[in-house]
């Protein structure tokens, strides 16, 4: 299957606790966490009039397909209190995005891998490059380390309590 990378985010409630609970829920479903980034505070993307996010990236290993993983993550989000009817890019208790599954390309209505907004989200590139600097996304010309260099890191900072 290759390397599976996730991005978790929270901007409602106890943000750090939400991320920790989501990581525990992922592990409890038999998905092995191989690497975990630091936690970052980031500005919201898409709709700016909302609280900042805490985000972290994970590299995981599982035998589940992309569709099966999506189902697991939607269940975790719902169990943690994410409201489905809030609309796109709205505040949320937890968001679990599948960014990449090795060199797989999935293009379904309910699942797009690689994540279709990944390269538009500077914070996602920066955070994932911490744990996978040499990963070259499917069809990409450069590694994440190379994409993470340069301008545009304002609003992305390592979180400290």
N, C-alpha and C. Protein backbone atom coordinates (compact mmCIF):
# COMPACT_ATOMS: atom_id res chain seq x y z
N UNK A 1 0.84 -1.21 0.00
CA UNK A 1 0.00 0.00 0.00
C UNK A 1 0.87 1.25 0.00
N UNK A 2 2.02 1.24 0.63
CA UNK A 2 2.87 2.43 0.69
C UNK A 2 2.57 3.26 1.91
N UNK A 3 3.20 4.40 1.97
CA UNK A 3 3.07 5.29 3.12
C UNK A 3 1.69 5.95 3.11
N UNK A 4 1.04 5.90 4.26
CA UNK A 4 -0.27 6.54 4.42
C UNK A 4 -0.08 7.71 5.36
N UNK A 5 -0.46 8.90 4.87
CA UNK A 5 -0.29 10.11 5.66
C UNK A 5 -1.63 10.76 5.93
N UNK A 6 -1.79 11.20 7.19
CA UNK A 6 -3.02 11.84 7.64
C UNK A 6 -2.70 13.22 8.19
N UNK A 7 -3.69 14.10 8.17
CA UNK A 7 -3.59 15.38 8.85
C UNK A 7 -4.81 15.51 9.75
N UNK A 8 -4.57 15.76 11.03
CA UNK A 8 -5.64 15.95 12.00
C UNK A 8 -5.70 17.41 12.38
N UNK A 9 -6.91 17.91 12.59
CA UNK A 9 -7.07 19.30 13.00
C UNK A 9 -8.25 19.47 13.93
N UNK A 10 -8.14 20.47 14.80
CA UNK A 10 -9.22 20.79 15.74
C UNK A 10 -9.19 22.28 16.03
N UNK A 11 -10.38 22.91 16.09
CA UNK A 11 -10.44 24.30 16.53
C UNK A 11 -11.66 24.61 17.39
N UNK A 12 -12.26 23.57 17.97
CA UNK A 12 -13.36 23.75 18.93
C UNK A 12 -13.09 22.90 20.17
N UNK A 13 -13.34 23.47 21.34
CA UNK A 13 -13.16 22.72 22.58
C UNK A 13 -11.71 22.71 23.02
N UNK A 14 -11.31 21.63 23.70
CA UNK A 14 -9.93 21.45 24.16
C UNK A 14 -9.13 20.87 22.99
N UNK A 15 -8.48 21.72 22.26
CA UNK A 15 -7.88 21.35 20.98
C UNK A 15 -6.83 20.24 21.12
N UNK A 16 -5.93 20.41 22.07
CA UNK A 16 -4.87 19.40 22.24
C UNK A 16 -5.48 18.07 22.67
N UNK A 17 -6.43 18.11 23.58
CA UNK A 17 -7.11 16.89 24.04
C UNK A 17 -7.86 16.22 22.88
N UNK A 18 -8.48 17.02 22.02
CA UNK A 18 -9.18 16.47 20.86
C UNK A 18 -8.21 15.70 19.96
N UNK A 19 -7.04 16.28 19.71
CA UNK A 19 -6.05 15.60 18.87
C UNK A 19 -5.59 14.29 19.53
N UNK A 20 -5.33 14.35 20.84
CA UNK A 20 -4.89 13.16 21.55
C UNK A 20 -5.95 12.07 21.53
N UNK A 21 -7.21 12.45 21.73
CA UNK A 21 -8.30 11.46 21.69
C UNK A 21 -8.43 10.84 20.30
N UNK A 22 -8.28 11.64 19.26
CA UNK A 22 -8.37 11.13 17.90
C UNK A 22 -7.24 10.14 17.62
N UNK A 23 -6.02 10.46 18.05
CA UNK A 23 -4.89 9.55 17.87
C UNK A 23 -5.17 8.23 18.59
N UNK A 24 -5.66 8.30 19.81
CA UNK A 24 -6.00 7.09 20.57
C UNK A 24 -7.09 6.28 19.87
N UNK A 25 -8.09 6.96 19.32
CA UNK A 25 -9.18 6.27 18.62
C UNK A 25 -8.67 5.59 17.35
N UNK A 26 -7.74 6.23 16.67
CA UNK A 26 -7.15 5.62 15.47
C UNK A 26 -6.40 4.35 15.85
N UNK A 27 -5.59 4.43 16.90
CA UNK A 27 -4.83 3.26 17.36
C UNK A 27 -5.77 2.15 17.85
N UNK A 28 -6.86 2.53 18.50
CA UNK A 28 -7.81 1.55 19.03
C UNK A 28 -8.49 0.76 17.92
N UNK A 29 -8.48 1.29 16.71
CA UNK A 29 -9.08 0.59 15.57
C UNK A 29 -8.06 -0.24 14.80
N UNK A 30 -6.90 -0.46 15.42
CA UNK A 30 -5.89 -1.33 14.83
C UNK A 30 -5.04 -0.69 13.75
N UNK A 31 -5.09 0.63 13.66
CA UNK A 31 -4.27 1.36 12.69
C UNK A 31 -2.99 1.75 13.41
N UNK A 32 -1.85 1.26 12.90
CA UNK A 32 -0.57 1.49 13.58
C UNK A 32 -0.02 2.86 13.22
N UNK A 33 0.34 3.62 14.24
CA UNK A 33 0.95 4.93 14.02
C UNK A 33 2.46 4.75 14.00
N UNK A 34 3.06 5.09 12.87
CA UNK A 34 4.50 4.95 12.69
C UNK A 34 5.25 6.22 13.06
N UNK A 35 4.70 7.37 12.68
CA UNK A 35 5.32 8.67 12.98
C UNK A 35 4.23 9.68 13.31
N UNK A 36 4.61 10.63 14.15
CA UNK A 36 3.68 11.70 14.54
C UNK A 36 4.46 13.01 14.57
N UNK A 37 3.93 14.04 13.95
CA UNK A 37 4.59 15.34 13.95
C UNK A 37 4.37 16.04 15.29
N UNK A 38 5.06 17.14 15.45
CA UNK A 38 4.75 18.05 16.55
C UNK A 38 3.35 18.60 16.30
N UNK A 39 2.79 19.23 17.29
CA UNK A 39 1.50 19.91 17.13
C UNK A 39 1.79 21.35 16.71
N UNK A 40 1.03 21.81 15.72
CA UNK A 40 1.20 23.17 15.20
C UNK A 40 -0.08 23.96 15.38
N UNK A 41 0.07 25.25 15.65
CA UNK A 41 -1.06 26.18 15.64
C UNK A 41 -1.07 26.82 14.25
N UNK A 42 -2.24 26.79 13.60
CA UNK A 42 -2.34 27.32 12.25
C UNK A 42 -3.58 28.20 12.11
N UNK A 43 -3.49 29.10 11.18
CA UNK A 43 -4.64 29.96 10.85
C UNK A 43 -5.65 29.13 10.06
N UNK A 44 -6.94 29.42 10.22
CA UNK A 44 -7.95 28.68 9.45
C UNK A 44 -7.80 28.92 7.95
N UNK A 45 -8.22 27.92 7.19
CA UNK A 45 -8.11 27.97 5.73
C UNK A 45 -9.52 27.86 5.17
N UNK A 46 -9.82 28.63 4.16
CA UNK A 46 -11.14 28.56 3.53
C UNK A 46 -12.08 29.61 4.07
N UNK A 47 -12.34 29.59 5.37
CA UNK A 47 -13.17 30.58 6.06
C UNK A 47 -12.34 31.12 7.21
N UNK A 48 -11.92 32.37 7.12
CA UNK A 48 -10.96 32.90 8.09
C UNK A 48 -11.59 33.36 9.40
N UNK A 49 -12.88 33.62 9.42
CA UNK A 49 -13.53 34.13 10.64
C UNK A 49 -13.90 32.99 11.58
N UNK A 50 -12.87 32.35 12.15
CA UNK A 50 -13.06 31.27 13.10
C UNK A 50 -11.77 31.12 13.90
N UNK A 51 -11.79 30.35 14.99
CA UNK A 51 -10.59 30.20 15.80
C UNK A 51 -9.47 29.48 15.06
N UNK A 52 -8.23 29.73 15.51
CA UNK A 52 -7.08 29.01 14.97
C UNK A 52 -7.23 27.52 15.23
N UNK A 53 -6.51 26.73 14.46
CA UNK A 53 -6.50 25.28 14.58
C UNK A 53 -5.24 24.81 15.28
N UNK A 54 -5.33 23.64 15.89
CA UNK A 54 -4.16 22.84 16.21
C UNK A 54 -4.18 21.69 15.23
N UNK A 55 -3.02 21.39 14.62
CA UNK A 55 -2.90 20.32 13.63
C UNK A 55 -1.70 19.44 13.95
N UNK A 56 -1.79 18.21 13.51
CA UNK A 56 -0.64 17.32 13.51
C UNK A 56 -0.78 16.34 12.37
N UNK A 57 0.38 15.83 11.91
CA UNK A 57 0.40 14.84 10.83
C UNK A 57 0.80 13.49 11.40
N UNK A 58 0.26 12.44 10.79
CA UNK A 58 0.60 11.07 11.16
C UNK A 58 0.98 10.28 9.92
N UNK A 59 1.93 9.38 10.11
CA UNK A 59 2.16 8.32 9.14
C UNK A 59 1.62 7.07 9.78
N UNK A 60 0.75 6.37 9.09
CA UNK A 60 0.11 5.18 9.65
C UNK A 60 0.28 3.99 8.72
N UNK A 61 0.01 2.82 9.29
CA UNK A 61 0.05 1.58 8.51
C UNK A 61 -1.21 0.79 8.82
N UNK A 62 -1.82 0.27 7.77
CA UNK A 62 -3.05 -0.52 7.91
C UNK A 62 -3.27 -1.33 6.65
N UNK A 63 -4.07 -2.36 6.76
CA UNK A 63 -4.48 -3.14 5.60
C UNK A 63 -5.81 -2.64 5.04
N UNK A 64 -6.40 -1.64 5.67
CA UNK A 64 -7.68 -1.10 5.21
C UNK A 64 -7.51 -0.36 3.89
N UNK A 65 -8.54 -0.42 3.08
CA UNK A 65 -8.55 0.35 1.83
C UNK A 65 -8.82 1.82 2.15
N UNK A 66 -8.68 2.68 1.16
CA UNK A 66 -8.99 4.08 1.35
C UNK A 66 -10.43 4.31 1.77
N UNK A 67 -11.35 3.60 1.15
CA UNK A 67 -12.77 3.74 1.48
C UNK A 67 -13.04 3.26 2.91
N UNK A 68 -12.41 2.15 3.29
CA UNK A 68 -12.57 1.64 4.66
C UNK A 68 -11.98 2.62 5.68
N UNK A 69 -10.82 3.20 5.35
CA UNK A 69 -10.22 4.19 6.24
C UNK A 69 -11.13 5.41 6.40
N UNK A 70 -11.67 5.89 5.29
CA UNK A 70 -12.57 7.03 5.34
C UNK A 70 -13.74 6.73 6.28
N UNK A 71 -14.31 5.55 6.17
CA UNK A 71 -15.43 5.16 7.03
C UNK A 71 -15.02 5.19 8.50
N UNK A 72 -13.86 4.63 8.83
CA UNK A 72 -13.36 4.64 10.21
C UNK A 72 -13.19 6.07 10.70
N UNK A 73 -12.59 6.93 9.88
CA UNK A 73 -12.34 8.30 10.32
C UNK A 73 -13.62 9.10 10.48
N UNK A 74 -14.60 8.87 9.62
CA UNK A 74 -15.89 9.55 9.77
C UNK A 74 -16.58 9.10 11.06
N UNK A 75 -16.46 7.81 11.40
CA UNK A 75 -17.03 7.31 12.66
C UNK A 75 -16.35 7.98 13.85
N UNK A 76 -15.03 8.08 13.83
CA UNK A 76 -14.29 8.74 14.92
C UNK A 76 -14.73 10.19 15.04
N UNK A 77 -14.79 10.90 13.91
CA UNK A 77 -15.21 12.31 13.94
C UNK A 77 -16.60 12.46 14.55
N UNK A 78 -17.52 11.60 14.15
CA UNK A 78 -18.89 11.66 14.67
C UNK A 78 -18.92 11.35 16.17
N UNK A 79 -18.21 10.31 16.58
CA UNK A 79 -18.16 9.94 18.00
C UNK A 79 -17.56 11.05 18.86
N UNK A 80 -16.65 11.81 18.28
CA UNK A 80 -16.03 12.91 19.03
C UNK A 80 -16.86 14.19 19.00
N UNK A 81 -17.98 14.19 18.28
CA UNK A 81 -18.88 15.33 18.31
C UNK A 81 -18.84 16.24 17.10
N UNK A 82 -18.20 15.80 16.03
CA UNK A 82 -18.21 16.64 14.83
C UNK A 82 -19.61 16.66 14.23
N UNK A 83 -20.07 17.86 13.94
CA UNK A 83 -21.40 18.03 13.35
C UNK A 83 -21.28 18.06 11.83
N UNK A 84 -22.03 17.21 11.16
CA UNK A 84 -21.95 17.09 9.70
C UNK A 84 -22.55 18.28 8.97
N UNK A 85 -23.53 18.92 9.53
CA UNK A 85 -24.27 19.95 8.80
C UNK A 85 -23.68 21.34 8.94
N UNK A 86 -22.48 21.47 9.45
CA UNK A 86 -21.89 22.79 9.66
C UNK A 86 -21.41 23.43 8.37
N UNK A 87 -21.22 22.67 7.32
CA UNK A 87 -20.74 23.22 6.06
C UNK A 87 -19.23 23.07 5.93
N UNK A 88 -18.77 23.35 4.75
CA UNK A 88 -17.36 23.19 4.42
C UNK A 88 -16.51 24.26 5.09
N UNK A 89 -15.34 23.86 5.59
CA UNK A 89 -14.34 24.75 6.18
C UNK A 89 -14.85 25.49 7.41
N UNK A 90 -15.76 24.89 8.14
CA UNK A 90 -16.28 25.50 9.35
C UNK A 90 -15.55 24.95 10.57
N UNK A 91 -15.66 25.62 11.73
CA UNK A 91 -15.02 25.13 12.94
C UNK A 91 -15.45 23.69 13.24
N UNK A 92 -14.53 22.92 13.84
CA UNK A 92 -14.84 21.52 14.12
C UNK A 92 -14.03 21.01 15.31
N UNK A 93 -14.64 20.05 16.00
CA UNK A 93 -13.97 19.39 17.12
C UNK A 93 -12.78 18.60 16.60
N UNK A 94 -12.98 17.87 15.51
CA UNK A 94 -11.89 17.09 14.92
C UNK A 94 -12.13 16.93 13.42
N UNK A 95 -11.04 16.94 12.70
CA UNK A 95 -11.06 16.69 11.27
C UNK A 95 -9.90 15.74 10.99
N UNK A 96 -10.16 14.64 10.32
CA UNK A 96 -9.13 13.67 9.96
C UNK A 96 -9.13 13.54 8.45
N UNK A 97 -8.06 14.03 7.83
CA UNK A 97 -7.94 13.98 6.37
C UNK A 97 -6.90 12.94 5.97
N UNK A 98 -7.24 12.14 4.96
CA UNK A 98 -6.27 11.24 4.34
C UNK A 98 -5.59 12.06 3.25
N UNK A 99 -4.29 12.31 3.42
CA UNK A 99 -3.56 13.11 2.45
C UNK A 99 -3.03 12.26 1.30
N UNK A 100 -2.35 11.16 1.65
CA UNK A 100 -1.74 10.29 0.66
C UNK A 100 -1.82 8.85 1.13
N UNK A 101 -1.91 7.94 0.16
CA UNK A 101 -1.80 6.50 0.42
C UNK A 101 -0.78 5.95 -0.56
N UNK A 102 0.51 6.16 -0.24
CA UNK A 102 1.56 5.75 -1.15
C UNK A 102 1.41 6.46 -2.47
N UNK A 103 1.47 5.70 -3.56
CA UNK A 103 1.31 6.31 -4.88
C UNK A 103 -0.10 6.10 -5.43
N UNK A 104 -1.03 5.69 -4.55
CA UNK A 104 -2.42 5.47 -4.97
C UNK A 104 -3.09 6.78 -5.37
N UNK A 105 -3.95 6.66 -6.37
CA UNK A 105 -4.79 7.77 -6.78
C UNK A 105 -6.23 7.25 -6.74
N UNK A 106 -7.05 7.90 -5.94
CA UNK A 106 -8.46 7.54 -5.82
C UNK A 106 -9.28 8.78 -6.16
N UNK A 107 -10.20 8.63 -7.07
CA UNK A 107 -11.02 9.76 -7.51
C UNK A 107 -12.49 9.36 -7.46
N UNK A 108 -13.06 9.44 -6.28
CA UNK A 108 -14.46 9.14 -6.06
C UNK A 108 -15.15 10.41 -5.57
N UNK A 109 -16.46 10.43 -5.61
CA UNK A 109 -17.20 11.58 -5.10
C UNK A 109 -16.90 11.80 -3.63
N UNK A 110 -16.82 10.71 -2.87
CA UNK A 110 -16.64 10.82 -1.42
C UNK A 110 -15.19 10.74 -0.95
N UNK A 111 -14.26 10.49 -1.86
CA UNK A 111 -12.86 10.33 -1.45
C UNK A 111 -11.94 10.67 -2.62
N UNK A 112 -11.04 11.62 -2.36
CA UNK A 112 -10.03 12.02 -3.35
C UNK A 112 -8.66 11.86 -2.69
N UNK A 113 -7.84 10.97 -3.25
CA UNK A 113 -6.47 10.77 -2.78
C UNK A 113 -5.58 10.79 -4.01
N UNK A 114 -4.53 11.62 -4.02
CA UNK A 114 -4.11 12.54 -2.98
C UNK A 114 -5.19 13.57 -2.66
N UNK A 115 -5.12 14.10 -1.43
CA UNK A 115 -6.08 15.10 -0.99
C UNK A 115 -6.03 16.27 -1.96
N UNK A 116 -7.18 16.63 -2.50
CA UNK A 116 -7.23 17.61 -3.59
C UNK A 116 -6.78 19.01 -3.19
N UNK A 117 -6.81 19.35 -1.91
CA UNK A 117 -6.40 20.70 -1.48
C UNK A 117 -5.01 20.73 -0.85
N UNK A 118 -4.30 19.59 -0.83
CA UNK A 118 -3.04 19.52 -0.10
C UNK A 118 -2.07 20.63 -0.48
N UNK A 119 -1.76 20.78 -1.76
CA UNK A 119 -0.76 21.76 -2.17
C UNK A 119 -1.24 23.20 -2.05
N UNK A 120 -2.53 23.41 -1.87
CA UNK A 120 -3.06 24.75 -1.64
C UNK A 120 -2.96 25.15 -0.17
N UNK A 121 -2.71 24.21 0.69
CA UNK A 121 -2.65 24.45 2.13
C UNK A 121 -1.20 24.41 2.60
N UNK A 122 -0.59 25.56 2.64
CA UNK A 122 0.82 25.66 3.01
C UNK A 122 1.09 24.97 4.35
N UNK A 123 0.18 25.13 5.31
CA UNK A 123 0.38 24.52 6.62
C UNK A 123 0.45 23.00 6.52
N UNK A 124 -0.34 22.39 5.64
CA UNK A 124 -0.33 20.94 5.49
C UNK A 124 1.00 20.46 4.93
N UNK A 125 1.51 21.16 3.93
CA UNK A 125 2.81 20.82 3.35
C UNK A 125 3.89 20.92 4.41
N UNK A 126 3.88 22.01 5.16
CA UNK A 126 4.91 22.25 6.18
C UNK A 126 4.86 21.18 7.28
N UNK A 127 3.68 20.87 7.77
CA UNK A 127 3.55 19.91 8.87
C UNK A 127 3.93 18.51 8.40
N UNK A 128 3.43 18.09 7.25
CA UNK A 128 3.75 16.75 6.77
C UNK A 128 5.23 16.62 6.43
N UNK A 129 5.85 17.69 5.96
CA UNK A 129 7.27 17.61 5.62
C UNK A 129 8.14 17.34 6.85
N UNK A 130 7.62 17.63 8.03
CA UNK A 130 8.38 17.33 9.26
C UNK A 130 8.61 15.82 9.40
N UNK A 131 7.60 15.00 9.10
CA UNK A 131 7.73 13.56 9.31
C UNK A 131 8.05 12.79 8.03
N UNK A 132 7.90 13.46 6.87
CA UNK A 132 8.14 12.77 5.59
C UNK A 132 8.86 13.69 4.61
N UNK A 133 10.01 14.22 4.97
CA UNK A 133 10.66 15.20 4.10
C UNK A 133 11.05 14.66 2.72
N UNK A 134 11.32 13.37 2.63
CA UNK A 134 11.77 12.80 1.36
C UNK A 134 10.64 12.16 0.55
N UNK A 135 9.40 12.25 1.05
CA UNK A 135 8.27 11.69 0.32
C UNK A 135 7.99 12.54 -0.92
N UNK A 136 7.85 11.86 -2.05
CA UNK A 136 7.49 12.53 -3.30
C UNK A 136 6.05 12.12 -3.62
N UNK A 137 5.12 13.06 -3.49
CA UNK A 137 3.71 12.74 -3.77
C UNK A 137 3.52 12.23 -5.19
N UNK A 138 2.49 11.41 -5.41
CA UNK A 138 2.23 10.89 -6.75
C UNK A 138 2.13 12.01 -7.78
N UNK A 139 2.91 11.89 -8.85
CA UNK A 139 2.87 12.88 -9.92
C UNK A 139 3.61 14.17 -9.63
N UNK A 140 4.21 14.29 -8.45
CA UNK A 140 4.88 15.53 -8.07
C UNK A 140 6.32 15.55 -8.56
N UNK A 141 6.81 16.73 -8.81
CA UNK A 141 8.18 16.90 -9.30
C UNK A 141 9.20 16.98 -8.18
N UNK A 142 8.74 17.28 -6.96
CA UNK A 142 9.67 17.51 -5.85
C UNK A 142 9.26 16.72 -4.62
N UNK A 143 10.17 16.64 -3.66
CA UNK A 143 9.88 16.04 -2.37
C UNK A 143 9.15 17.06 -1.49
N UNK A 144 8.58 16.59 -0.40
CA UNK A 144 7.91 17.51 0.52
C UNK A 144 8.89 18.52 1.10
N UNK A 145 10.12 18.11 1.36
CA UNK A 145 11.13 19.05 1.87
C UNK A 145 11.28 20.22 0.89
N UNK A 146 11.33 19.91 -0.40
CA UNK A 146 11.50 20.95 -1.41
C UNK A 146 10.26 21.85 -1.49
N UNK A 147 9.08 21.25 -1.40
CA UNK A 147 7.84 22.06 -1.42
C UNK A 147 7.72 22.92 -0.17
N UNK A 148 8.25 22.46 0.95
CA UNK A 148 8.10 23.19 2.22
C UNK A 148 9.03 24.40 2.33
N UNK A 149 10.06 24.45 1.49
CA UNK A 149 10.98 25.60 1.52
C UNK A 149 10.29 26.84 0.98
N UNK A 150 10.76 27.97 1.45
CA UNK A 150 10.30 29.20 0.83
C UNK A 150 9.36 30.02 1.69
N UNK A 151 8.67 30.88 1.02
CA UNK A 151 7.80 31.87 1.66
C UNK A 151 6.47 31.26 2.11
N UNK A 152 5.77 32.00 2.95
CA UNK A 152 4.40 31.65 3.28
C UNK A 152 4.21 30.85 4.55
N UNK A 153 5.17 30.90 5.48
CA UNK A 153 5.03 30.14 6.72
C UNK A 153 4.40 30.95 7.85
N UNK A 154 4.06 32.21 7.60
CA UNK A 154 3.42 32.99 8.65
C UNK A 154 2.08 32.34 8.99
N UNK A 155 1.76 32.34 10.25
CA UNK A 155 0.53 31.69 10.70
C UNK A 155 0.68 30.21 10.96
N UNK A 156 1.92 29.69 10.86
CA UNK A 156 2.19 28.28 11.15
C UNK A 156 3.27 28.26 12.23
N UNK A 157 2.92 27.84 13.43
CA UNK A 157 3.92 27.82 14.50
C UNK A 157 3.77 26.57 15.35
N UNK A 158 4.88 26.09 15.86
CA UNK A 158 4.85 24.92 16.73
C UNK A 158 4.10 25.33 17.99
N UNK A 159 3.19 24.48 18.40
CA UNK A 159 2.34 24.74 19.58
C UNK A 159 3.10 24.39 20.85
N UNK A 160 2.92 25.23 21.84
CA UNK A 160 3.42 24.91 23.18
C UNK A 160 2.33 25.31 24.18
N UNK A 161 2.14 24.47 25.18
CA UNK A 161 1.07 24.71 26.17
C UNK A 161 1.26 26.03 26.88
